[in-house]
Amino acid sequence: MSLEQSHVVDAIGTARSDDSIVLNIIDSWSWENEGLHLAALQRKLNAYFEFVESKQILESCPEAKGRRLCINIISRFPTPEAGLKLLAAAAILAAELDIEIKHQVDSRSN
């Protein structure tokens, strides 16, 4: 999966720490073409929001009912300022849907 497949949820799991349901976005793209990357990440985030809002998540993961949700973006490359601004704006929208946004850079893949 990845940003190429904007309407596919990359991975769903349960966090050991708090039993929340985690929807992972695997972002392996470099930031050479920042505009393209931002647009792809925004499409992917919007698809995840729709996945939750439409209740498709309950069809794919019935144990999500009544549990805290988190979208975790796992990036291969450090995120530039424009990307961080997008994630901050997404976090505001996500909070309205009772979803937490997390972001991490997986330095092992570089």
PDB file of N, CA and C in Angstrom:
ATOM      1  N   MET A   1       0.850  -1.165   0.000  1.00  0.00           N
ATOM      2  CA  MET A   1       0.000   0.000   0.000  1.00  0.00           C
ATOM      3  C   MET A   1       0.899   1.232   0.000  1.00  0.00           C
ATOM      4  N   SER A   2       0.293   2.328   0.138  1.00  0.00           N
ATOM      5  CA  SER A   2       1.034   3.573   0.230  1.00  0.00           C
ATOM      6  C   SER A   2       0.125   4.689  -0.244  1.00  0.00           C
ATOM      7  N   LEU A   3       0.731   5.816  -0.515  1.00  0.00           N
ATOM      8  CA  LEU A   3      -0.054   6.960  -0.962  1.00  0.00           C
ATOM      9  C   LEU A   3      -0.619   6.758  -2.354  1.00  0.00           C
ATOM     10  N   GLU A   4      -0.027   5.848  -3.144  1.00  0.00           N
ATOM     11  CA  GLU A   4      -0.539   5.596  -4.494  1.00  0.00           C
ATOM     12  C   GLU A   4      -1.973   5.092  -4.470  1.00  0.00           C
ATOM     13  N   GLN A   5      -2.308   4.317  -3.458  1.00  0.00           N
ATOM     14  CA  GLN A   5      -3.645   3.730  -3.349  1.00  0.00           C
ATOM     15  C   GLN A   5      -4.418   4.494  -2.282  1.00  0.00           C
ATOM     16  N   SER A   6      -4.936   5.627  -2.684  1.00  0.00           N
ATOM     17  CA  SER A   6      -5.532   6.547  -1.713  1.00  0.00           C
ATOM     18  C   SER A   6      -6.788   5.992  -1.036  1.00  0.00           C
ATOM     19  N   HIS A   7      -7.486   5.074  -1.667  1.00  0.00           N
ATOM     20  CA  HIS A   7      -8.727   4.575  -1.075  1.00  0.00           C
ATOM     21  C   HIS A   7      -8.567   3.211  -0.425  1.00  0.00           C
ATOM     22  N   VAL A   8      -7.327   2.853  -0.090  1.00  0.00           N
ATOM     23  CA  VAL A   8      -7.055   1.595   0.584  1.00  0.00           C
ATOM     24  C   VAL A   8      -6.475   1.901   1.959  1.00  0.00           C
ATOM     25  N   VAL A   9      -7.036   1.277   2.999  1.00  0.00           N
ATOM     26  CA  VAL A   9      -6.468   1.410   4.336  1.00  0.00           C
ATOM     27  C   VAL A   9      -5.249   0.495   4.390  1.00  0.00           C
ATOM     28  N   ASP A  10      -4.090   1.069   4.689  1.00  0.00           N
ATOM     29  CA  ASP A  10      -2.838   0.326   4.646  1.00  0.00           C
ATOM     30  C   ASP A  10      -2.781  -0.777   5.702  1.00  0.00           C
ATOM     31  N   ALA A  11      -3.186  -0.472   6.931  1.00  0.00           N
ATOM     32  CA  ALA A  11      -3.159  -1.478   8.001  1.00  0.00           C
ATOM     33  C   ALA A  11      -4.044  -1.020   9.153  1.00  0.00           C
ATOM     34  N   ILE A  12      -4.698  -1.983   9.792  1.00  0.00           N
ATOM     35  CA  ILE A  12      -5.507  -1.722  10.985  1.00  0.00           C
ATOM     36  C   ILE A  12      -4.992  -2.644  12.080  1.00  0.00           C
ATOM     37  N   GLY A  13      -4.864  -2.092  13.263  1.00  0.00           N
ATOM     38  CA  GLY A  13      -4.421  -2.913  14.388  1.00  0.00           C
ATOM     39  C   GLY A  13      -4.932  -2.350  15.697  1.00  0.00           C
ATOM     40  N   THR A  14      -4.565  -3.014  16.764  1.00  0.00           N
ATOM     41  CA  THR A  14      -4.934  -2.585  18.110  1.00  0.00           C
ATOM     42  C   THR A  14      -3.667  -2.182  18.850  1.00  0.00           C
ATOM     43  N   ALA A  15      -3.697  -1.017  19.446  1.00  0.00           N
ATOM     44  CA  ALA A  15      -2.542  -0.542  20.219  1.00  0.00           C
ATOM     45  C   ALA A  15      -2.471  -1.308  21.532  1.00  0.00           C
ATOM     46  N   ARG A  16      -1.326  -1.844  21.833  1.00  0.00           N
ATOM     47  CA  ARG A  16      -1.144  -2.577  23.089  1.00  0.00           C
ATOM     48  C   ARG A  16      -1.252  -1.648  24.289  1.00  0.00           C
ATOM     49  N   SER A  17      -0.821  -0.414  24.110  1.00  0.00           N
ATOM     50  CA  SER A  17      -0.746   0.522  25.235  1.00  0.00           C
ATOM     51  C   SER A  17      -2.110   0.924  25.789  1.00  0.00           C
ATOM     52  N   ASP A  18      -3.090   1.114  24.915  1.00  0.00           N
ATOM     53  CA  ASP A  18      -4.385   1.616  25.402  1.00  0.00           C
ATOM     54  C   ASP A  18      -5.587   0.948  24.745  1.00  0.00           C
ATOM     55  N   ASP A  19      -5.370  -0.096  23.963  1.00  0.00           N
ATOM     56  CA  ASP A  19      -6.453  -0.855  23.343  1.00  0.00           C
ATOM     57  C   ASP A  19      -7.233  -0.068  22.292  1.00  0.00           C
ATOM     58  N   SER A  20      -6.666   1.060  21.828  1.00  0.00           N
ATOM     59  CA  SER A  20      -7.330   1.826  20.768  1.00  0.00           C
ATOM     60  C   SER A  20      -7.115   1.119  19.427  1.00  0.00           C
ATOM     61  N   ILE A  21      -7.938   1.475  18.471  1.00  0.00           N
ATOM     62  CA  ILE A  21      -7.817   0.944  17.113  1.00  0.00           C
ATOM     63  C   ILE A  21      -6.962   1.930  16.314  1.00  0.00           C
ATOM     64  N   VAL A  22      -5.920   1.406  15.680  1.00  0.00           N
ATOM     65  CA  VAL A  22      -4.971   2.246  14.951  1.00  0.00           C
ATOM     66  C   VAL A  22      -5.066   1.942  13.457  1.00  0.00           C
ATOM     67  N   LEU A  23      -5.306   2.992  12.687  1.00  0.00           N
ATOM     68  CA  LEU A  23      -5.318   2.908  11.228  1.00  0.00           C
ATOM     69  C   LEU A  23      -3.996   3.510  10.756  1.00  0.00           C
ATOM     70  N   ASN A  24      -3.152   2.702  10.156  1.00  0.00           N
ATOM     71  CA  ASN A  24      -1.832   3.171   9.730  1.00  0.00           C
ATOM     72  C   ASN A  24      -1.829   3.625   8.277  1.00  0.00           C
ATOM     73  N   ILE A  25      -1.136   4.722   8.043  1.00  0.00           N
ATOM     74  CA  ILE A  25      -0.826   5.191   6.696  1.00  0.00           C
ATOM     75  C   ILE A  25       0.681   5.037   6.524  1.00  0.00           C
ATOM     76  N   ILE A  26       1.074   4.290   5.514  1.00  0.00           N
ATOM     77  CA  ILE A  26       2.481   4.098   5.233  1.00  0.00           C
ATOM     78  C   ILE A  26       2.887   5.105   4.155  1.00  0.00           C
ATOM     79  N   ASP A  27       3.689   6.082   4.542  1.00  0.00           N
ATOM     80  CA  ASP A  27       4.121   7.153   3.634  1.00  0.00           C
ATOM     81  C   ASP A  27       5.594   6.945   3.299  1.00  0.00           C
ATOM     82  N   SER A  28       5.846   6.277   2.197  1.00  0.00           N
ATOM     83  CA  SER A  28       7.224   5.968   1.795  1.00  0.00           C
ATOM     84  C   SER A  28       7.777   6.959   0.761  1.00  0.00           C
ATOM     85  N   TRP A  29       6.984   7.950   0.395  1.00  0.00           N
ATOM     86  CA  TRP A  29       7.403   8.901  -0.628  1.00  0.00           C
ATOM     87  C   TRP A  29       8.430   9.895  -0.099  1.00  0.00           C
ATOM     88  N   SER A  30       9.333  10.300  -0.974  1.00  0.00           N
ATOM     89  CA  SER A  30      10.237  11.402  -0.639  1.00  0.00           C
ATOM     90  C   SER A  30       9.438  12.709  -0.813  1.00  0.00           C
ATOM     91  N   TRP A  31      10.033  13.798  -0.387  1.00  0.00           N
ATOM     92  CA  TRP A  31       9.370  15.097  -0.494  1.00  0.00           C
ATOM     93  C   TRP A  31       9.939  15.937  -1.631  1.00  0.00           C
ATOM     94  N   GLU A  32      10.565  15.287  -2.619  1.00  0.00           N
ATOM     95  CA  GLU A  32      11.131  16.030  -3.755  1.00  0.00           C
ATOM     96  C   GLU A  32      10.070  16.849  -4.474  1.00  0.00           C
ATOM     97  N   ASN A  33       8.899  16.260  -4.673  1.00  0.00           N
ATOM     98  CA  ASN A  33       7.783  16.980  -5.281  1.00  0.00           C
ATOM     99  C   ASN A  33       6.762  17.234  -4.171  1.00  0.00           C
ATOM    100  N   GLU A  34       7.003  18.302  -3.437  1.00  0.00           N
ATOM    101  CA  GLU A  34       6.210  18.590  -2.250  1.00  0.00           C
ATOM    102  C   GLU A  34       4.714  18.718  -2.547  1.00  0.00           C
ATOM    103  N   GLY A  35       4.366  19.407  -3.620  1.00  0.00           N
ATOM    104  CA  GLY A  35       2.956  19.596  -3.959  1.00  0.00           C
ATOM    105  C   GLY A  35       2.246  18.285  -4.230  1.00  0.00           C
ATOM    106  N   LEU A  36       2.882  17.414  -4.989  1.00  0.00           N
ATOM    107  CA  LEU A  36       2.311  16.100  -5.290  1.00  0.00           C
ATOM    108  C   LEU A  36       2.162  15.280  -4.014  1.00  0.00           C
ATOM    109  N   HIS A  37       3.175  15.321  -3.167  1.00  0.00           N
ATOM    110  CA  HIS A  37       3.154  14.564  -1.917  1.00  0.00           C
ATOM    111  C   HIS A  37       2.037  15.072  -1.004  1.00  0.00           C
ATOM    112  N   LEU A  38       1.922  16.387  -0.857  1.00  0.00           N
ATOM    113  CA  LEU A  38       0.867  16.961  -0.018  1.00  0.00           C
ATOM    114  C   LEU A  38      -0.519  16.556  -0.506  1.00  0.00           C
ATOM    115  N   ALA A  39      -0.728  16.621  -1.814  1.00  0.00           N
ATOM    116  CA  ALA A  39      -2.038  16.268  -2.378  1.00  0.00           C
ATOM    117  C   ALA A  39      -2.355  14.788  -2.134  1.00  0.00           C
ATOM    118  N   ALA A  40      -1.355  13.932  -2.315  1.00  0.00           N
ATOM    119  CA  ALA A  40      -1.569  12.493  -2.112  1.00  0.00           C
ATOM    120  C   ALA A  40      -1.856  12.183  -0.645  1.00  0.00           C
ATOM    121  N   LEU A  41      -1.132  12.824   0.261  1.00  0.00           N
ATOM    122  CA  LEU A  41      -1.351  12.599   1.686  1.00  0.00           C
ATOM    123  C   LEU A  41      -2.724  13.111   2.107  1.00  0.00           C
ATOM    124  N   GLN A  42      -3.134  14.235   1.564  1.00  0.00           N
ATOM    125  CA  GLN A  42      -4.463  14.770   1.879  1.00  0.00           C
ATOM    126  C   GLN A  42      -5.558  13.833   1.373  1.00  0.00           C
ATOM    127  N   ARG A  43      -5.403  13.306   0.156  1.00  0.00           N
ATOM    128  CA  ARG A  43      -6.388  12.340  -0.376  1.00  0.00           C
ATOM    129  C   ARG A  43      -6.475  11.108   0.526  1.00  0.00           C
ATOM    130  N   LYS A  44      -5.327  10.623   0.969  1.00  0.00           N
ATOM    131  CA  LYS A  44      -5.288   9.432   1.815  1.00  0.00           C
ATOM    132  C   LYS A  44      -5.974   9.708   3.153  1.00  0.00           C
ATOM    133  N   LEU A  45      -5.665  10.837   3.768  1.00  0.00           N
ATOM    134  CA  LEU A  45      -6.307  11.196   5.037  1.00  0.00           C
ATOM    135  C   LEU A  45      -7.821  11.332   4.866  1.00  0.00           C
ATOM    136  N   ASN A  46      -8.252  11.983   3.792  1.00  0.00           N
ATOM    137  CA  ASN A  46      -9.690  12.133   3.539  1.00  0.00           C
ATOM    138  C   ASN A  46     -10.365  10.774   3.371  1.00  0.00           C
ATOM    139  N   ALA A  47      -9.689   9.847   2.718  1.00  0.00           N
ATOM    140  CA  ALA A  47     -10.241   8.502   2.546  1.00  0.00           C
ATOM    141  C   ALA A  47     -10.374   7.798   3.891  1.00  0.00           C
ATOM    142  N   TYR A  48      -9.406   7.986   4.770  1.00  0.00           N
ATOM    143  CA  TYR A  48      -9.481   7.380   6.108  1.00  0.00           C
ATOM    144  C   TYR A  48     -10.627   8.004   6.905  1.00  0.00           C
ATOM    145  N   PHE A  49     -10.794   9.323   6.804  1.00  0.00           N
ATOM    146  CA  PHE A  49     -11.915   9.971   7.489  1.00  0.00           C
ATOM    147  C   PHE A  49     -13.245   9.407   6.979  1.00  0.00           C
ATOM    148  N   GLU A  50     -13.360   9.252   5.675  1.00  0.00           N
ATOM    149  CA  GLU A  50     -14.576   8.695   5.074  1.00  0.00           C
ATOM    150  C   GLU A  50     -14.789   7.251   5.537  1.00  0.00           C
ATOM    151  N   PHE A  51     -13.730   6.476   5.654  1.00  0.00           N
ATOM    152  CA  PHE A  51     -13.778   5.095   6.123  1.00  0.00           C
ATOM    153  C   PHE A  51     -14.409   5.028   7.519  1.00  0.00           C
ATOM    154  N   VAL A  52     -14.069   5.997   8.353  1.00  0.00           N
ATOM    155  CA  VAL A  52     -14.625   6.048   9.709  1.00  0.00           C
ATOM    156  C   VAL A  52     -16.050   6.601   9.688  1.00  0.00           C
ATOM    157  N   GLU A  53     -16.245   7.733   9.020  1.00  0.00           N
ATOM    158  CA  GLU A  53     -17.555   8.397   9.011  1.00  0.00           C
ATOM    159  C   GLU A  53     -18.647   7.521   8.405  1.00  0.00           C
ATOM    160  N   SER A  54     -18.300   6.761   7.375  1.00  0.00           N
ATOM    161  CA  SER A  54     -19.288   5.923   6.696  1.00  0.00           C
ATOM    162  C   SER A  54     -19.559   4.612   7.444  1.00  0.00           C
ATOM    163  N   LYS A  55     -18.827   4.404   8.534  1.00  0.00           N
ATOM    164  CA  LYS A  55     -18.948   3.181   9.357  1.00  0.00           C
ATOM    165  C   LYS A  55     -18.387   1.945   8.669  1.00  0.00           C
ATOM    166  N   GLN A  56     -17.666   2.122   7.557  1.00  0.00           N
ATOM    167  CA  GLN A  56     -17.010   0.980   6.916  1.00  0.00           C
ATOM    168  C   GLN A  56     -16.014   0.334   7.861  1.00  0.00           C
ATOM    169  N   ILE A  57     -15.455   1.121   8.758  1.00  0.00           N
ATOM    170  CA  ILE A  57     -14.502   0.571   9.712  1.00  0.00           C
ATOM    171  C   ILE A  57     -15.135  -0.552  10.527  1.00  0.00           C
ATOM    172  N   LEU A  58     -16.427  -0.421  10.850  1.00  0.00           N
ATOM    173  CA  LEU A  58     -17.097  -1.448  11.653  1.00  0.00           C
ATOM    174  C   LEU A  58     -17.328  -2.731  10.861  1.00  0.00           C
ATOM    175  N   GLU A  59     -17.426  -2.606   9.550  1.00  0.00           N
ATOM    176  CA  GLU A  59     -17.533  -3.803   8.710  1.00  0.00           C
ATOM    177  C   GLU A  59     -16.199  -4.527   8.642  1.00  0.00           C
ATOM    178  N   SER A  60     -15.120  -3.770   8.531  1.00  0.00           N
ATOM    179  CA  SER A  60     -13.779  -4.354   8.422  1.00  0.00           C
ATOM    180  C   SER A  60     -13.204  -4.755   9.770  1.00  0.00           C
ATOM    181  N   CYS A  61     -13.597  -4.031  10.795  1.00  0.00           N
ATOM    182  CA  CYS A  61     -13.019  -4.222  12.126  1.00  0.00           C
ATOM    183  C   CYS A  61     -14.113  -4.015  13.175  1.00  0.00           C
ATOM    184  N   PRO A  62     -14.991  -5.011  13.356  1.00  0.00           N
ATOM    185  CA  PRO A  62     -16.117  -4.856  14.289  1.00  0.00           C
ATOM    186  C   PRO A  62     -15.696  -4.483  15.711  1.00  0.00           C
ATOM    187  N   GLU A  63     -14.500  -4.899  16.112  1.00  0.00           N
ATOM    188  CA  GLU A  63     -14.034  -4.583  17.464  1.00  0.00           C
ATOM    189  C   GLU A  63     -13.744  -3.094  17.656  1.00  0.00           C
ATOM    190  N   ALA A  64     -13.835  -2.303  16.595  1.00  0.00           N
ATOM    191  CA  ALA A  64     -13.622  -0.859  16.701  1.00  0.00           C
ATOM    192  C   ALA A  64     -14.798  -0.156  17.371  1.00  0.00           C
ATOM    193  N   LYS A  65     -15.921  -0.825  17.442  1.00  0.00           N
ATOM    194  CA  LYS A  65     -17.123  -0.195  18.013  1.00  0.00           C
ATOM    195  C   LYS A  65     -16.863   0.258  19.450  1.00  0.00           C
ATOM    196  N   GLY A  66     -17.067   1.554  19.669  1.00  0.00           N
ATOM    197  CA  GLY A  66     -16.927   2.128  20.993  1.00  0.00           C
ATOM    198  C   GLY A  66     -15.496   2.344  21.465  1.00  0.00           C
ATOM    199  N   ARG A  67     -14.532   2.089  20.610  1.00  0.00           N
ATOM    200  CA  ARG A  67     -13.132   2.252  21.011  1.00  0.00           C
ATOM    201  C   ARG A  67     -12.537   3.513  20.420  1.00  0.00           C
ATOM    202  N   ARG A  68     -11.512   3.999  21.059  1.00  0.00           N
ATOM    203  CA  ARG A  68     -10.784   5.164  20.573  1.00  0.00           C
ATOM    204  C   ARG A  68     -10.120   4.831  19.256  1.00  0.00           C
ATOM    205  N   LEU A  69     -10.098   5.793  18.338  1.00  0.00           N
ATOM    206  CA  LEU A  69      -9.480   5.597  17.027  1.00  0.00           C
ATOM    207  C   LEU A  69      -8.280   6.528  16.871  1.00  0.00           C
ATOM    208  N   CYS A  70      -7.283   6.024  16.177  1.00  0.00           N
ATOM    209  CA  CYS A  70      -6.077   6.799  15.905  1.00  0.00           C
ATOM    210  C   CYS A  70      -5.637   6.529  14.473  1.00  0.00           C
ATOM    211  N   ILE A  71      -5.291   7.587  13.755  1.00  0.00           N
ATOM    212  CA  ILE A  71      -4.651   7.445  12.448  1.00  0.00           C
ATOM    213  C   ILE A  71      -3.175   7.745  12.681  1.00  0.00           C
ATOM    214  N   ASN A  72      -2.333   6.776  12.377  1.00  0.00           N
ATOM    215  CA  ASN A  72      -0.897   6.891  12.585  1.00  0.00           C
ATOM    216  C   ASN A  72      -0.204   6.940  11.226  1.00  0.00           C
ATOM    217  N   ILE A  73       0.439   8.063  10.939  1.00  0.00           N
ATOM    218  CA  ILE A  73       1.168   8.211   9.682  1.00  0.00           C
ATOM    219  C   ILE A  73       2.629   7.841   9.944  1.00  0.00           C
ATOM    220  N   ILE A  74       3.099   6.836   9.246  1.00  0.00           N
ATOM    221  CA  ILE A  74       4.480   6.387   9.386  1.00  0.00           C
ATOM    222  C   ILE A  74       5.222   6.819   8.129  1.00  0.00           C
ATOM    223  N   SER A  75       6.099   7.804   8.283  1.00  0.00           N
ATOM    224  CA  SER A  75       6.819   8.382   7.150  1.00  0.00           C
ATOM    225  C   SER A  75       8.219   7.804   7.048  1.00  0.00           C
ATOM    226  N   ARG A  76       8.657   7.669   5.837  1.00  0.00           N
ATOM    227  CA  ARG A  76      10.032   7.205   5.600  1.00  0.00           C
ATOM    228  C   ARG A  76      11.023   8.355   5.675  1.00  0.00           C
ATOM    229  N   PHE A  77      10.561   9.539   5.260  1.00  0.00           N
ATOM    230  CA  PHE A  77      11.442  10.702   5.204  1.00  0.00           C
ATOM    231  C   PHE A  77      10.923  11.796   6.139  1.00  0.00           C
ATOM    232  N   PRO A  78      11.816  12.614   6.678  1.00  0.00           N
ATOM    233  CA  PRO A  78      11.378  13.727   7.530  1.00  0.00           C
ATOM    234  C   PRO A  78      10.378  14.616   6.792  1.00  0.00           C
ATOM    235  N   THR A  79       9.394  15.063   7.516  1.00  0.00           N
ATOM    236  CA  THR A  79       8.306  15.847   6.934  1.00  0.00           C
ATOM    237  C   THR A  79       8.641  17.333   6.977  1.00  0.00           C
ATOM    238  N   PRO A  80       8.558  18.018   5.829  1.00  0.00           N
ATOM    239  CA  PRO A  80       8.843  19.459   5.809  1.00  0.00           C
ATOM    240  C   PRO A  80       7.718  20.256   6.468  1.00  0.00           C
ATOM    241  N   GLU A  81       7.956  21.531   6.639  1.00  0.00           N
ATOM    242  CA  GLU A  81       6.998  22.420   7.307  1.00  0.00           C
ATOM    243  C   GLU A  81       5.595  22.345   6.683  1.00  0.00           C
ATOM    244  N   ALA A  82       5.522  22.334   5.368  1.00  0.00           N
ATOM    245  CA  ALA A  82       4.205  22.281   4.707  1.00  0.00           C
ATOM    246  C   ALA A  82       3.466  20.989   5.065  1.00  0.00           C
ATOM    247  N   GLY A  83       4.186  19.901   5.160  1.00  0.00           N
ATOM    248  CA  GLY A  83       3.574  18.632   5.547  1.00  0.00           C
ATOM    249  C   GLY A  83       3.100  18.652   6.986  1.00  0.00           C
ATOM    250  N   LEU A  84       3.886  19.249   7.861  1.00  0.00           N
ATOM    251  CA  LEU A  84       3.495  19.351   9.270  1.00  0.00           C
ATOM    252  C   LEU A  84       2.254  20.223   9.432  1.00  0.00           C
ATOM    253  N   LYS A  85       2.151  21.276   8.610  1.00  0.00           N
ATOM    254  CA  LYS A  85       0.949  22.127   8.647  1.00  0.00           C
ATOM    255  C   LYS A  85      -0.279  21.336   8.205  1.00  0.00           C
ATOM    256  N   LEU A  86      -0.120  20.504   7.167  1.00  0.00           N
ATOM    257  CA  LEU A  86      -1.227  19.660   6.712  1.00  0.00           C
ATOM    258  C   LEU A  86      -1.655  18.706   7.832  1.00  0.00           C
ATOM    259  N   LEU A  87      -0.694  18.103   8.507  1.00  0.00           N
ATOM    260  CA  LEU A  87      -1.012  17.170   9.584  1.00  0.00           C
ATOM    261  C   LEU A  87      -1.690  17.879  10.757  1.00  0.00           C
ATOM    262  N   ALA A  88      -1.273  19.103  11.048  1.00  0.00           N
ATOM    263  CA  ALA A  88      -1.912  19.882  12.115  1.00  0.00           C
ATOM    264  C   ALA A  88      -3.367  20.196  11.767  1.00  0.00           C
ATOM    265  N   ALA A  89      -3.610  20.573  10.512  1.00  0.00           N
ATOM    266  CA  ALA A  89      -4.983  20.850  10.069  1.00  0.00           C
ATOM    267  C   ALA A  89      -5.814  19.565  10.096  1.00  0.00           C
ATOM    268  N   ALA A  90      -5.211  18.457   9.681  1.00  0.00           N
ATOM    269  CA  ALA A  90      -5.909  17.170   9.704  1.00  0.00           C
ATOM    270  C   ALA A  90      -6.248  16.765  11.131  1.00  0.00           C
ATOM    271  N   ALA A  91      -5.362  17.075  12.077  1.00  0.00           N
ATOM    272  CA  ALA A  91      -5.603  16.726  13.481  1.00  0.00           C
ATOM    273  C   ALA A  91      -6.812  17.467  14.042  1.00  0.00           C
ATOM    274  N   ILE A  92      -7.007  18.698  13.596  1.00  0.00           N
ATOM    275  CA  ILE A  92      -8.170  19.477  14.041  1.00  0.00           C
ATOM    276  C   ILE A  92      -9.452  18.832  13.524  1.00  0.00           C
ATOM    277  N   LEU A  93      -9.468  18.491  12.247  1.00  0.00           N
ATOM    278  CA  LEU A  93     -10.639  17.826  11.666  1.00  0.00           C
ATOM    279  C   LEU A  93     -10.853  16.467  12.319  1.00  0.00           C
ATOM    280  N   ALA A  94      -9.784  15.725  12.519  1.00  0.00           N
ATOM    281  CA  ALA A  94      -9.879  14.398  13.121  1.00  0.00           C
ATOM    282  C   ALA A  94     -10.472  14.479  14.531  1.00  0.00           C
ATOM    283  N   ALA A  95     -10.078  15.492  15.285  1.00  0.00           N
ATOM    284  CA  ALA A  95     -10.593  15.646  16.650  1.00  0.00           C
ATOM    285  C   ALA A  95     -12.113  15.809  16.642  1.00  0.00           C
ATOM    286  N   GLU A  96     -12.632  16.474  15.623  1.00  0.00           N
ATOM    287  CA  GLU A  96     -14.091  16.620  15.504  1.00  0.00           C
ATOM    288  C   GLU A  96     -14.772  15.275  15.280  1.00  0.00           C
ATOM    289  N   LEU A  97     -14.024  14.319  14.739  1.00  0.00           N
ATOM    290  CA  LEU A  97     -14.546  12.973  14.493  1.00  0.00           C
ATOM    291  C   LEU A  97     -14.145  12.003  15.604  1.00  0.00           C
ATOM    292  N   ASP A  98     -13.530  12.521  16.649  1.00  0.00           N
ATOM    293  CA  ASP A  98     -13.044  11.706  17.772  1.00  0.00           C
ATOM    294  C   ASP A  98     -11.915  10.762  17.359  1.00  0.00           C
ATOM    295  N   ILE A  99     -11.059  11.248  16.480  1.00  0.00           N
ATOM    296  CA  ILE A  99      -9.914  10.469  16.013  1.00  0.00           C
ATOM    297  C   ILE A  99      -8.647  11.253  16.380  1.00  0.00           C
ATOM    298  N   GLU A 100      -7.659  10.545  16.847  1.00  0.00           N
ATOM    299  CA  GLU A 100      -6.357  11.164  17.126  1.00  0.00           C
ATOM    300  C   GLU A 100      -5.454  10.944  15.917  1.00  0.00           C
ATOM    301  N   ILE A 101      -4.634  11.935  15.606  1.00  0.00           N
ATOM    302  CA  ILE A 101      -3.637  11.803  14.541  1.00  0.00           C
ATOM    303  C   ILE A 101      -2.263  11.720  15.206  1.00  0.00           C
ATOM    304  N   LYS A 102      -1.495  10.726  14.797  1.00  0.00           N
ATOM    305  CA  LYS A 102      -0.113  10.611  15.246  1.00  0.00           C
ATOM    306  C   LYS A 102       0.774  10.542  14.011  1.00  0.00           C
ATOM    307  N   HIS A 103       2.021  10.923  14.192  1.00  0.00           N
ATOM    308  CA  HIS A 103       2.965  10.903  13.078  1.00  0.00           C
ATOM    309  C   HIS A 103       4.320  10.492  13.597  1.00  0.00           C
ATOM    310  N   GLN A 104       4.989   9.669  12.836  1.00  0.00           N
ATOM    311  CA  GLN A 104       6.346   9.269  13.203  1.00  0.00           C
ATOM    312  C   GLN A 104       7.165   9.065  11.941  1.00  0.00           C
ATOM    313  N   VAL A 105       8.462   9.296  12.075  1.00  0.00           N
ATOM    314  CA  VAL A 105       9.388   9.028  10.979  1.00  0.00           C
ATOM    315  C   VAL A 105      10.125   7.748  11.337  1.00  0.00           C
ATOM    316  N   ASP A 106      10.052   6.787  10.442  1.00  0.00           N
ATOM    317  CA  ASP A 106      10.727   5.507  10.647  1.00  0.00           C
ATOM    318  C   ASP A 106      12.127   5.617  10.048  1.00  0.00           C
ATOM    319  N   SER A 107      13.073   6.002  10.870  1.00  0.00           N
ATOM    320  CA  SER A 107      14.434   6.236  10.391  1.00  0.00           C
ATOM    321  C   SER A 107      15.146   4.948   9.990  1.00  0.00           C
ATOM    322  N   ARG A 108      14.607   3.790  10.353  1.00  0.00           N
ATOM    323  CA  ARG A 108      15.224   2.518   9.985  1.00  0.00           C
ATOM    324  C   ARG A 108      15.181   2.289   8.478  1.00  0.00           C
ATOM    325  N   SER A 109      14.239   2.927   7.797  1.00  0.00           N
ATOM    326  CA  SER A 109      14.079   2.676   6.363  1.00  0.00           C
ATOM    327  C   SER A 109      14.957   3.586   5.504  1.00  0.00           C
ATOM    328  N   ASN A 110      15.709   4.485   6.111  1.00  0.00           N
ATOM    329  CA  ASN A 110      16.582   5.383   5.329  1.00  0.00           C
ATOM    330  C   ASN A 110      17.985   4.849   5.257  1.00  0.00           C
TER     331      ASN A 110
END
